[in-house]
Amino acid sequence: MPGRLLAIAITLASMAVPVHAATVQLSMENLVILPAEVSVKVGDSVEWTNKDEFAHTATARNGDFDVNLPPKTSAAFVVKKAGTVEYYCRYHPNMTATLKIER
């Protein structure tokens, strides 16, 4: 009987689907952040690509992150807590977007 329970446990463990964090990609182009609103989960990476010829930032209004993006570069941030976070570019404050972060 113990051998059978071990075999069942091994079978169930091999069927478990590992949880993988996602990478959500956003772009900054022509002074716009796209998409302007995105849903992510804690542990996911948010990756911004600056397609413009000038620098941008992704700066959370609540202080959670401040990512610098020189021209034609990408940078990422790993989401650490749930909530809704509004962010903007410090150099171009009219560039705004929102992350909706779930557990």
Protein backbone atom coordinates (compact mmCIF):
# COMPACT_ATOMS: atom_id res chain seq x y z
CA MET A 1 0.00 0.00 0.00
CA PRO A 2 2.73 2.59 0.79
CA GLY A 3 4.27 1.96 -2.63
CA ARG A 4 0.93 2.62 -4.29
CA LEU A 5 0.50 5.90 -2.40
CA LEU A 6 3.98 6.94 -3.45
CA ALA A 7 3.18 6.15 -7.09
CA ILE A 8 -0.03 8.20 -6.88
CA ALA A 9 1.84 11.13 -5.28
CA ILE A 10 4.51 11.04 -8.00
CA THR A 11 1.85 10.91 -10.71
CA LEU A 12 -0.05 13.85 -9.22
CA ALA A 13 3.15 15.87 -8.79
CA SER A 14 4.09 15.32 -12.43
CA MET A 15 0.66 16.59 -13.51
CA ALA A 16 0.99 19.86 -11.57
CA VAL A 17 1.28 22.83 -13.86
CA PRO A 18 4.04 25.20 -12.76
CA VAL A 19 3.07 28.82 -12.39
CA HIS A 20 5.18 31.11 -14.56
CA ALA A 21 5.32 34.86 -14.36
CA ALA A 22 4.41 36.68 -17.54
CA THR A 23 6.21 39.53 -19.25
CA VAL A 24 3.83 42.27 -20.33
CA GLN A 25 5.22 44.52 -23.03
CA LEU A 26 4.37 48.18 -23.44
CA SER A 27 5.73 50.77 -25.83
CA MET A 28 6.43 54.46 -25.70
CA GLU A 29 6.18 56.02 -29.12
CA ASN A 30 5.20 59.46 -30.39
CA LEU A 31 4.74 60.64 -26.76
CA VAL A 32 2.17 57.92 -26.02
CA ILE A 33 2.29 54.85 -23.75
CA LEU A 34 0.55 51.85 -25.29
CA PRO A 35 -1.49 50.22 -24.02
CA ALA A 36 -2.56 52.98 -21.67
CA GLU A 37 -4.16 50.48 -19.28
CA VAL A 38 -3.00 46.94 -18.67
CA SER A 39 -3.75 44.19 -16.14
CA VAL A 40 -0.88 42.20 -14.64
CA LYS A 41 -0.30 39.91 -11.68
CA VAL A 42 2.12 40.15 -8.79
CA GLY A 43 5.37 38.57 -9.96
CA ASP A 44 4.90 39.54 -13.61
CA SER A 45 7.43 41.72 -15.39
CA VAL A 46 6.37 44.90 -17.11
CA GLU A 47 8.72 45.79 -19.94
CA TRP A 48 8.65 49.20 -21.57
CA THR A 49 10.26 49.85 -24.95
CA ASN A 50 11.08 53.45 -25.77
CA LYS A 51 10.77 53.77 -29.55
CA ASP A 52 11.25 57.53 -29.50
CA GLU A 53 14.42 59.53 -30.19
CA PHE A 54 14.36 61.09 -26.71
CA ALA A 55 14.35 59.78 -23.13
CA HIS A 56 11.26 58.79 -21.15
CA THR A 57 10.55 57.41 -17.69
CA ALA A 58 7.87 55.16 -16.25
CA THR A 59 7.33 56.81 -12.87
CA ALA A 60 4.67 55.55 -10.47
CA ARG A 61 2.70 58.30 -8.79
CA ASN A 62 2.72 56.27 -5.56
CA GLY A 63 6.52 55.79 -5.62
CA ASP A 64 6.49 52.04 -6.40
CA PHE A 65 8.83 52.38 -9.38
CA ASP A 66 10.79 54.87 -11.44
CA VAL A 67 12.22 53.31 -14.60
CA ASN A 68 14.52 55.33 -16.86
CA LEU A 69 14.27 54.69 -20.59
CA PRO A 70 16.93 56.29 -22.77
CA PRO A 71 16.05 56.58 -26.48
CA LYS A 72 15.62 53.28 -28.36
CA THR A 73 15.99 51.09 -25.24
CA SER A 74 13.90 48.75 -23.11
CA ALA A 75 13.72 48.29 -19.35
CA ALA A 76 11.66 46.08 -17.07
CA PHE A 77 10.19 46.14 -13.59
CA VAL A 78 8.91 43.13 -11.58
CA VAL A 79 5.53 43.84 -9.99
CA LYS A 80 5.67 43.24 -6.24
CA LYS A 81 2.26 44.18 -4.82
CA ALA A 82 -1.38 44.32 -5.85
CA GLY A 83 -3.33 47.48 -6.52
CA THR A 84 -3.90 50.09 -9.18
CA VAL A 85 -0.84 52.16 -10.04
CA GLU A 86 -0.98 55.26 -12.18
CA TYR A 87 2.30 56.22 -13.79
CA TYR A 88 3.69 58.86 -16.13
CA CYS A 89 6.83 60.12 -17.86
CA ARG A 90 8.66 62.71 -15.73
CA TYR A 91 9.94 64.43 -18.88
CA HIS A 92 6.55 64.42 -20.63
CA PRO A 93 3.86 64.47 -17.89
CA ASN A 94 1.06 64.20 -20.45
CA MET A 95 2.23 60.60 -21.08
CA THR A 96 0.16 58.63 -18.57
CA ALA A 97 -0.94 55.03 -18.10
CA THR A 98 -2.31 52.63 -15.49
CA LEU A 99 -1.29 49.19 -14.22
CA LYS A 100 -4.04 47.11 -12.62
CA ILE A 101 -2.19 44.58 -10.50
CA GLU A 102 -3.91 41.43 -9.19
CA ARG A 103 -2.61 38.83 -6.78
